[in-house]
């Protein structure tokens, strides 16, 4: 797992061990050997551009996921699931508005992104219900407490 936090770690106090434990809690239910993926924290302008380019939505979002096509990391030989991008500024706003920690918000977004990389989606109500049930399961397994239901929209 590659976690790119260097530029933003000092400003937001990102705990890499927490991020790794969240990933392990989710992925161990699907893999005997942990696959690789990247987790990168990006600025609002970057995630807005990607959201516009790949989803045709011209807005800042909290998390985007990009699945690989069954690729393998040539250095490790492990399956490469894809990339997760989290906008820390948006995550901080959501955590502040919800009244829980940034770490808990990041945990939710990492779980959400991993579920997308595993093939889950929420394009219709049945998919949403299934994905949210797994999201709730992993939030509980990781001890992540939120002061809102995941998926609630915010007015900023």
N, C-alpha and C. Protein backbone atom coordinates (compact mmCIF):
# COMPACT_ATOMS: atom_id res chain seq x y z
N UNK A 1 0.85 -1.17 0.00
CA UNK A 1 0.00 0.00 0.00
C UNK A 1 0.90 1.23 0.00
N UNK A 2 0.59 2.16 -0.88
CA UNK A 2 1.33 3.41 -0.93
C UNK A 2 0.43 4.52 -0.45
N UNK A 3 0.85 5.19 0.61
CA UNK A 3 0.09 6.33 1.14
C UNK A 3 0.94 7.56 0.97
N UNK A 4 0.46 8.50 0.19
CA UNK A 4 1.18 9.72 -0.08
C UNK A 4 0.63 10.82 0.81
N UNK A 5 1.32 11.06 1.92
CA UNK A 5 0.86 12.08 2.87
C UNK A 5 1.92 13.14 3.14
N UNK A 6 3.06 13.03 2.54
CA UNK A 6 4.19 13.88 2.93
C UNK A 6 3.87 15.37 2.90
N UNK A 7 3.23 15.85 1.83
CA UNK A 7 2.98 17.29 1.73
C UNK A 7 2.01 17.78 2.79
N UNK A 8 1.07 16.95 3.20
CA UNK A 8 -0.01 17.41 4.06
C UNK A 8 0.03 16.85 5.47
N UNK A 9 0.96 15.94 5.74
CA UNK A 9 0.99 15.27 7.04
C UNK A 9 1.12 16.26 8.19
N UNK A 10 2.02 17.20 8.07
CA UNK A 10 2.24 18.12 9.19
C UNK A 10 1.04 19.04 9.42
N UNK A 11 0.38 19.43 8.35
CA UNK A 11 -0.74 20.35 8.49
C UNK A 11 -1.97 19.67 9.10
N UNK A 12 -2.17 18.39 8.82
CA UNK A 12 -3.38 17.72 9.27
C UNK A 12 -3.13 16.60 10.26
N UNK A 13 -1.88 16.25 10.53
CA UNK A 13 -1.56 15.20 11.50
C UNK A 13 -2.06 13.83 11.09
N UNK A 14 -1.86 13.46 9.85
CA UNK A 14 -2.33 12.17 9.34
C UNK A 14 -1.55 11.05 10.03
N UNK A 15 -2.27 10.07 10.53
CA UNK A 15 -1.69 8.93 11.22
C UNK A 15 -1.63 7.75 10.25
N UNK A 16 -0.45 7.45 9.74
CA UNK A 16 -0.28 6.41 8.75
C UNK A 16 -0.65 5.03 9.30
N UNK A 17 -0.34 4.75 10.55
CA UNK A 17 -0.68 3.45 11.15
C UNK A 17 -2.20 3.24 11.16
N UNK A 18 -2.94 4.29 11.44
CA UNK A 18 -4.40 4.22 11.40
C UNK A 18 -4.89 3.88 9.99
N UNK A 19 -4.34 4.58 8.99
CA UNK A 19 -4.74 4.34 7.61
C UNK A 19 -4.45 2.90 7.18
N UNK A 20 -3.30 2.39 7.60
CA UNK A 20 -2.93 1.01 7.27
C UNK A 20 -3.85 0.01 7.96
N UNK A 21 -4.23 0.28 9.20
CA UNK A 21 -5.11 -0.65 9.91
C UNK A 21 -6.51 -0.66 9.31
N UNK A 22 -6.99 0.48 8.86
CA UNK A 22 -8.29 0.54 8.19
C UNK A 22 -8.25 -0.30 6.92
N UNK A 23 -7.21 -0.11 6.12
CA UNK A 23 -7.08 -0.88 4.87
C UNK A 23 -7.03 -2.37 5.16
N UNK A 24 -6.27 -2.76 6.15
CA UNK A 24 -6.15 -4.18 6.48
C UNK A 24 -7.49 -4.75 6.94
N UNK A 25 -8.23 -3.99 7.74
CA UNK A 25 -9.53 -4.45 8.23
C UNK A 25 -10.49 -4.76 7.08
N UNK A 26 -10.44 -3.95 6.05
CA UNK A 26 -11.32 -4.17 4.89
C UNK A 26 -10.77 -5.28 4.00
N UNK A 27 -9.52 -5.16 3.61
CA UNK A 27 -8.97 -6.04 2.57
C UNK A 27 -8.76 -7.48 3.02
N UNK A 28 -8.57 -7.71 4.31
CA UNK A 28 -8.35 -9.09 4.77
C UNK A 28 -9.59 -9.95 4.57
N UNK A 29 -10.76 -9.33 4.41
CA UNK A 29 -11.98 -10.08 4.13
C UNK A 29 -12.08 -10.51 2.67
N UNK A 30 -11.21 -9.98 1.83
CA UNK A 30 -11.27 -10.25 0.39
C UNK A 30 -10.02 -10.93 -0.16
N UNK A 31 -8.91 -10.82 0.56
CA UNK A 31 -7.63 -11.31 0.04
C UNK A 31 -6.86 -12.05 1.12
N UNK A 32 -6.17 -13.11 0.71
CA UNK A 32 -5.25 -13.78 1.63
C UNK A 32 -3.96 -12.98 1.76
N UNK A 33 -3.51 -12.42 0.64
CA UNK A 33 -2.31 -11.58 0.62
C UNK A 33 -2.74 -10.16 0.26
N UNK A 34 -2.34 -9.20 1.09
CA UNK A 34 -2.79 -7.83 0.91
C UNK A 34 -2.39 -7.30 -0.46
N UNK A 35 -3.35 -6.79 -1.23
CA UNK A 35 -3.02 -6.17 -2.51
C UNK A 35 -2.49 -4.76 -2.29
N UNK A 36 -1.96 -4.17 -3.37
CA UNK A 36 -1.50 -2.79 -3.31
C UNK A 36 -2.58 -1.85 -3.81
N UNK A 37 -2.54 -0.63 -3.31
CA UNK A 37 -3.34 0.48 -3.83
C UNK A 37 -2.64 1.75 -3.39
N UNK A 38 -3.01 2.86 -3.99
CA UNK A 38 -2.43 4.12 -3.53
C UNK A 38 -3.52 4.96 -2.88
N UNK A 39 -3.12 5.70 -1.88
CA UNK A 39 -4.00 6.64 -1.18
C UNK A 39 -3.26 7.97 -1.17
N UNK A 40 -3.84 8.96 -1.82
CA UNK A 40 -3.20 10.25 -1.96
C UNK A 40 -4.13 11.35 -1.48
N UNK A 41 -3.59 12.29 -0.75
CA UNK A 41 -4.34 13.44 -0.28
C UNK A 41 -4.08 14.60 -1.23
N UNK A 42 -5.16 15.21 -1.70
CA UNK A 42 -5.04 16.23 -2.73
C UNK A 42 -5.75 17.52 -2.32
N UNK A 43 -5.41 18.56 -3.02
CA UNK A 43 -6.00 19.88 -2.81
C UNK A 43 -7.38 19.95 -3.48
N UNK A 44 -8.24 20.87 -3.05
CA UNK A 44 -9.57 20.99 -3.65
C UNK A 44 -9.55 21.20 -5.17
N UNK A 45 -8.61 22.00 -5.66
CA UNK A 45 -8.57 22.26 -7.10
C UNK A 45 -8.29 20.97 -7.88
N UNK A 46 -7.43 20.12 -7.34
CA UNK A 46 -7.07 18.87 -8.01
C UNK A 46 -8.26 17.93 -8.07
N UNK A 47 -8.96 17.75 -6.95
CA UNK A 47 -10.08 16.81 -6.94
C UNK A 47 -11.24 17.34 -7.76
N UNK A 48 -11.40 18.66 -7.78
CA UNK A 48 -12.46 19.25 -8.61
C UNK A 48 -12.19 19.00 -10.09
N UNK A 49 -10.94 19.18 -10.51
CA UNK A 49 -10.56 18.93 -11.90
C UNK A 49 -10.79 17.47 -12.28
N UNK A 50 -10.38 16.55 -11.42
CA UNK A 50 -10.58 15.12 -11.68
C UNK A 50 -12.06 14.76 -11.70
N UNK A 51 -12.82 15.34 -10.80
CA UNK A 51 -14.25 15.10 -10.75
C UNK A 51 -14.93 15.59 -12.04
N UNK A 52 -14.49 16.74 -12.52
CA UNK A 52 -15.03 17.29 -13.76
C UNK A 52 -14.62 16.42 -14.95
N UNK A 53 -13.38 16.00 -15.00
CA UNK A 53 -12.86 15.22 -16.13
C UNK A 53 -13.47 13.83 -16.19
N UNK A 54 -13.54 13.14 -15.06
CA UNK A 54 -13.94 11.73 -15.08
C UNK A 54 -15.40 11.47 -14.72
N UNK A 55 -16.05 12.44 -14.07
CA UNK A 55 -17.44 12.21 -13.67
C UNK A 55 -18.38 13.28 -14.23
N UNK A 56 -17.80 14.25 -14.92
CA UNK A 56 -18.58 15.36 -15.49
C UNK A 56 -19.35 16.13 -14.42
N UNK A 57 -18.72 16.24 -13.24
CA UNK A 57 -19.30 16.99 -12.12
C UNK A 57 -18.29 18.08 -11.75
N UNK A 58 -18.67 19.33 -11.98
CA UNK A 58 -17.76 20.45 -11.73
C UNK A 58 -17.90 20.93 -10.29
N UNK A 59 -17.39 20.12 -9.36
CA UNK A 59 -17.48 20.46 -7.94
C UNK A 59 -16.39 19.73 -7.17
N UNK A 60 -16.02 20.30 -6.05
CA UNK A 60 -15.10 19.63 -5.13
C UNK A 60 -15.86 18.47 -4.50
N UNK A 61 -15.21 17.33 -4.36
CA UNK A 61 -15.79 16.19 -3.68
C UNK A 61 -14.81 15.72 -2.61
N UNK A 62 -15.23 14.81 -1.77
CA UNK A 62 -14.37 14.36 -0.68
C UNK A 62 -13.43 13.23 -1.08
N UNK A 63 -13.90 12.29 -1.91
CA UNK A 63 -13.09 11.14 -2.28
C UNK A 63 -13.43 10.69 -3.70
N UNK A 64 -12.41 10.28 -4.42
CA UNK A 64 -12.55 9.66 -5.73
C UNK A 64 -11.73 8.39 -5.75
N UNK A 65 -12.23 7.39 -6.45
CA UNK A 65 -11.51 6.12 -6.59
C UNK A 65 -11.40 5.77 -8.06
N UNK A 66 -10.27 5.21 -8.43
CA UNK A 66 -10.02 4.80 -9.80
C UNK A 66 -9.51 3.36 -9.77
N UNK A 67 -10.36 2.42 -10.20
CA UNK A 67 -10.00 1.00 -10.21
C UNK A 67 -8.96 0.73 -11.29
N UNK A 68 -8.08 -0.22 -11.01
CA UNK A 68 -7.15 -0.69 -12.04
C UNK A 68 -7.86 -1.77 -12.86
N UNK A 69 -7.24 -2.19 -13.90
CA UNK A 69 -7.79 -3.26 -14.73
C UNK A 69 -7.08 -4.58 -14.45
N UNK A 70 -7.08 -5.01 -13.19
CA UNK A 70 -6.43 -6.26 -12.83
C UNK A 70 -4.92 -6.21 -12.96
N UNK A 71 -4.36 -5.03 -12.74
CA UNK A 71 -2.91 -4.85 -12.85
C UNK A 71 -2.20 -5.46 -11.64
N UNK A 72 -0.92 -5.73 -11.84
CA UNK A 72 -0.06 -6.20 -10.75
C UNK A 72 1.12 -5.26 -10.64
N UNK A 73 1.52 -4.98 -9.41
CA UNK A 73 2.68 -4.13 -9.18
C UNK A 73 3.93 -4.90 -9.61
N UNK A 74 4.69 -4.38 -10.56
CA UNK A 74 5.86 -5.12 -11.04
C UNK A 74 6.94 -5.30 -9.98
N UNK A 75 7.00 -4.40 -9.01
CA UNK A 75 8.03 -4.50 -7.97
C UNK A 75 7.68 -5.53 -6.91
N UNK A 76 6.39 -5.62 -6.55
CA UNK A 76 5.99 -6.52 -5.46
C UNK A 76 5.31 -7.79 -5.97
N UNK A 77 4.80 -7.76 -7.18
CA UNK A 77 4.05 -8.89 -7.71
C UNK A 77 2.64 -8.98 -7.15
N UNK A 78 2.25 -7.99 -6.35
CA UNK A 78 0.92 -8.00 -5.75
C UNK A 78 -0.09 -7.35 -6.69
N UNK A 79 -1.33 -7.79 -6.56
CA UNK A 79 -2.40 -7.16 -7.34
C UNK A 79 -2.49 -5.69 -6.96
N UNK A 80 -2.68 -4.84 -7.98
CA UNK A 80 -2.82 -3.41 -7.74
C UNK A 80 -4.29 -3.05 -7.94
N UNK A 81 -4.97 -2.65 -6.87
CA UNK A 81 -6.40 -2.37 -6.93
C UNK A 81 -6.74 -1.06 -7.62
N UNK A 82 -5.91 -0.04 -7.43
CA UNK A 82 -6.18 1.26 -8.01
C UNK A 82 -5.78 2.38 -7.08
N UNK A 83 -6.40 3.52 -7.30
CA UNK A 83 -6.02 4.74 -6.58
C UNK A 83 -7.22 5.35 -5.87
N UNK A 84 -6.96 5.83 -4.66
CA UNK A 84 -7.95 6.57 -3.89
C UNK A 84 -7.37 7.96 -3.65
N UNK A 85 -8.17 8.98 -3.93
CA UNK A 85 -7.76 10.36 -3.69
C UNK A 85 -8.74 10.99 -2.71
N UNK A 86 -8.23 11.58 -1.67
CA UNK A 86 -9.05 12.23 -0.65
C UNK A 86 -8.67 13.70 -0.57
N UNK A 87 -9.68 14.55 -0.59
CA UNK A 87 -9.46 15.98 -0.42
C UNK A 87 -9.54 16.30 1.07
N UNK A 88 -8.39 16.60 1.66
CA UNK A 88 -8.34 16.85 3.10
C UNK A 88 -9.13 18.08 3.51
N UNK A 89 -9.10 19.12 2.69
CA UNK A 89 -9.88 20.31 3.04
C UNK A 89 -11.37 19.97 3.15
N UNK A 90 -11.87 19.21 2.19
CA UNK A 90 -13.28 18.82 2.21
C UNK A 90 -13.56 17.89 3.39
N UNK A 91 -12.66 16.96 3.63
CA UNK A 91 -12.83 16.05 4.77
C UNK A 91 -12.86 16.83 6.08
N UNK A 92 -12.00 17.83 6.22
CA UNK A 92 -11.99 18.65 7.44
C UNK A 92 -13.29 19.40 7.61
N UNK A 93 -13.82 19.97 6.53
CA UNK A 93 -15.11 20.68 6.59
C UNK A 93 -16.21 19.73 7.04
N UNK A 94 -16.22 18.53 6.47
CA UNK A 94 -17.26 17.56 6.82
C UNK A 94 -17.13 17.10 8.26
N UNK A 95 -15.91 16.89 8.72
CA UNK A 95 -15.68 16.48 10.11
C UNK A 95 -16.13 17.59 11.06
N UNK A 96 -15.76 18.83 10.73
CA UNK A 96 -16.14 19.97 11.58
C UNK A 96 -17.66 20.11 11.65
N UNK A 97 -18.32 20.02 10.50
CA UNK A 97 -19.77 20.17 10.46
C UNK A 97 -20.46 19.03 11.20
N UNK A 98 -19.87 17.84 11.15
CA UNK A 98 -20.46 16.67 11.81
C UNK A 98 -20.12 16.58 13.28
N UNK A 99 -19.05 17.24 13.70
CA UNK A 99 -18.65 17.20 15.10
C UNK A 99 -17.88 15.95 15.49
N UNK A 100 -17.18 15.35 14.53
CA UNK A 100 -16.29 14.25 14.87
C UNK A 100 -14.90 14.56 14.35
N UNK A 101 -13.94 13.70 14.65
CA UNK A 101 -12.55 13.99 14.32
C UNK A 101 -12.28 13.85 12.82
N UNK A 102 -11.24 14.55 12.38
CA UNK A 102 -10.78 14.42 10.99
C UNK A 102 -10.35 12.98 10.74
N UNK A 103 -9.69 12.35 11.70
CA UNK A 103 -9.25 10.97 11.53
C UNK A 103 -10.43 10.05 11.24
N UNK A 104 -11.53 10.23 11.96
CA UNK A 104 -12.71 9.41 11.71
C UNK A 104 -13.29 9.66 10.33
N UNK A 105 -13.29 10.91 9.91
CA UNK A 105 -13.79 11.25 8.56
C UNK A 105 -12.89 10.61 7.50
N UNK A 106 -11.59 10.69 7.69
CA UNK A 106 -10.65 10.08 6.74
C UNK A 106 -10.84 8.56 6.71
N UNK A 107 -11.07 7.95 7.87
CA UNK A 107 -11.34 6.51 7.92
C UNK A 107 -12.56 6.14 7.10
N UNK A 108 -13.63 6.92 7.25
CA UNK A 108 -14.83 6.69 6.44
C UNK A 108 -14.52 6.79 4.96
N UNK A 109 -13.79 7.82 4.56
CA UNK A 109 -13.49 8.03 3.14
C UNK A 109 -12.58 6.95 2.60
N UNK A 110 -11.64 6.48 3.41
CA UNK A 110 -10.78 5.39 2.97
C UNK A 110 -11.60 4.11 2.77
N UNK A 111 -12.47 3.80 3.71
CA UNK A 111 -13.33 2.62 3.57
C UNK A 111 -14.20 2.76 2.32
N UNK A 112 -14.78 3.92 2.13
CA UNK A 112 -15.64 4.16 0.97
C UNK A 112 -14.85 3.95 -0.33
N UNK A 113 -13.65 4.51 -0.38
CA UNK A 113 -12.81 4.36 -1.56
C UNK A 113 -12.41 2.92 -1.80
N UNK A 114 -12.06 2.20 -0.74
CA UNK A 114 -11.68 0.79 -0.88
C UNK A 114 -12.85 -0.04 -1.40
N UNK A 115 -14.04 0.23 -0.89
CA UNK A 115 -15.20 -0.51 -1.38
C UNK A 115 -15.43 -0.28 -2.87
N UNK A 116 -15.20 0.95 -3.32
CA UNK A 116 -15.29 1.21 -4.77
C UNK A 116 -14.23 0.39 -5.52
N UNK A 117 -13.01 0.35 -5.00
CA UNK A 117 -11.95 -0.42 -5.66
C UNK A 117 -12.28 -1.92 -5.69
N UNK A 118 -13.08 -2.36 -4.73
CA UNK A 118 -13.49 -3.77 -4.68
C UNK A 118 -14.72 -4.04 -5.55
N UNK A 119 -15.22 -3.00 -6.20
CA UNK A 119 -16.32 -3.18 -7.15
C UNK A 119 -17.69 -2.76 -6.67
N UNK A 120 -17.81 -2.24 -5.47
CA UNK A 120 -19.10 -1.78 -4.97
C UNK A 120 -19.39 -0.39 -5.50
N UNK A 121 -20.67 -0.08 -5.65
CA UNK A 121 -21.07 1.24 -6.12
C UNK A 121 -22.39 1.61 -5.48
N UNK A 122 -22.84 2.83 -5.72
CA UNK A 122 -24.09 3.32 -5.14
C UNK A 122 -24.87 4.13 -6.17
N UNK A 123 -24.96 3.58 -7.38
CA UNK A 123 -25.65 4.27 -8.47
C UNK A 123 -27.17 4.12 -8.37
N UNK A 124 -27.64 3.08 -7.73
CA UNK A 124 -29.08 2.93 -7.51
C UNK A 124 -29.30 2.51 -6.05
N UNK A 125 -30.55 2.45 -5.64
CA UNK A 125 -30.86 2.21 -4.23
C UNK A 125 -30.38 0.84 -3.74
N UNK A 126 -30.50 -0.19 -4.57
CA UNK A 126 -30.05 -1.53 -4.16
C UNK A 126 -28.54 -1.56 -3.96
N UNK A 127 -27.80 -0.96 -4.89
CA UNK A 127 -26.34 -0.90 -4.76
C UNK A 127 -25.95 -0.08 -3.54
N UNK A 128 -26.63 1.03 -3.36
CA UNK A 128 -26.34 1.91 -2.23
C UNK A 128 -26.55 1.17 -0.91
N UNK A 129 -27.66 0.46 -0.81
CA UNK A 129 -27.96 -0.27 0.42
C UNK A 129 -26.87 -1.30 0.71
N UNK A 130 -26.45 -2.03 -0.32
CA UNK A 130 -25.40 -3.04 -0.13
C UNK A 130 -24.08 -2.39 0.27
N UNK A 131 -23.68 -1.35 -0.45
CA UNK A 131 -22.40 -0.70 -0.16
C UNK A 131 -22.41 -0.07 1.24
N UNK A 132 -23.51 0.57 1.60
CA UNK A 132 -23.60 1.21 2.91
C UNK A 132 -23.58 0.19 4.03
N UNK A 133 -24.13 -1.01 3.79
CA UNK A 133 -24.09 -2.03 4.84
C UNK A 133 -22.64 -2.48 5.09
N UNK A 134 -21.86 -2.62 4.02
CA UNK A 134 -20.44 -2.96 4.19
C UNK A 134 -19.68 -1.79 4.83
N UNK A 135 -20.01 -0.60 4.41
CA UNK A 135 -19.36 0.57 5.00
C UNK A 135 -19.62 0.62 6.50
N UNK A 136 -20.86 0.40 6.91
CA UNK A 136 -21.19 0.38 8.34
C UNK A 136 -20.44 -0.72 9.08
N UNK A 137 -20.34 -1.90 8.45
CA UNK A 137 -19.61 -3.02 9.04
C UNK A 137 -18.16 -2.64 9.31
N UNK A 138 -17.50 -2.05 8.32
CA UNK A 138 -16.08 -1.72 8.49
C UNK A 138 -15.87 -0.51 9.41
N UNK A 139 -16.78 0.42 9.43
CA UNK A 139 -16.69 1.51 10.40
C UNK A 139 -16.70 0.93 11.82
N UNK A 140 -17.60 -0.02 12.04
CA UNK A 140 -17.68 -0.65 13.36
C UNK A 140 -16.43 -1.46 13.67
N UNK A 141 -15.97 -2.27 12.70
CA UNK A 141 -14.76 -3.07 12.91
C UNK A 141 -13.56 -2.20 13.26
N UNK A 142 -13.49 -1.01 12.68
CA UNK A 142 -12.35 -0.11 12.90
C UNK A 142 -12.56 0.81 14.10
N UNK A 143 -13.71 0.73 14.73
CA UNK A 143 -13.99 1.59 15.88
C UNK A 143 -14.16 3.05 15.50
N UNK A 144 -14.62 3.30 14.29
CA UNK A 144 -14.80 4.67 13.81
C UNK A 144 -16.22 5.12 14.12
N UNK A 145 -16.33 6.14 14.94
CA UNK A 145 -17.63 6.69 15.34
C UNK A 145 -17.86 8.01 14.59
N UNK A 146 -19.02 8.10 13.99
CA UNK A 146 -19.40 9.31 13.26
C UNK A 146 -20.63 9.93 13.91
N UNK A 147 -20.75 11.23 13.78
CA UNK A 147 -21.91 11.94 14.30
C UNK A 147 -22.93 12.23 13.20
N UNK A 148 -22.89 11.45 12.13
CA UNK A 148 -23.86 11.54 11.05
C UNK A 148 -23.87 10.21 10.32
N UNK A 149 -24.90 9.99 9.53
CA UNK A 149 -24.96 8.81 8.67
C UNK A 149 -24.08 9.06 7.45
N UNK A 150 -23.22 8.13 7.09
CA UNK A 150 -22.44 8.30 5.86
C UNK A 150 -23.37 8.50 4.67
N UNK A 151 -22.96 9.38 3.78
CA UNK A 151 -23.73 9.65 2.58
C UNK A 151 -24.63 10.86 2.69
N UNK A 152 -24.73 11.45 3.89
CA UNK A 152 -25.54 12.65 4.02
C UNK A 152 -24.88 13.77 3.23
N UNK A 153 -25.69 14.53 2.54
CA UNK A 153 -25.16 15.66 1.77
C UNK A 153 -24.97 16.85 2.70
N UNK A 154 -24.00 17.68 2.31
CA UNK A 154 -23.70 18.88 3.07
C UNK A 154 -23.97 20.10 2.22
N UNK A 155 -24.38 21.16 2.84
CA UNK A 155 -24.51 22.45 2.16
C UNK A 155 -23.38 23.33 2.65
N UNK A 156 -22.39 23.56 1.78
CA UNK A 156 -21.27 24.42 2.17
C UNK A 156 -21.35 25.71 1.39
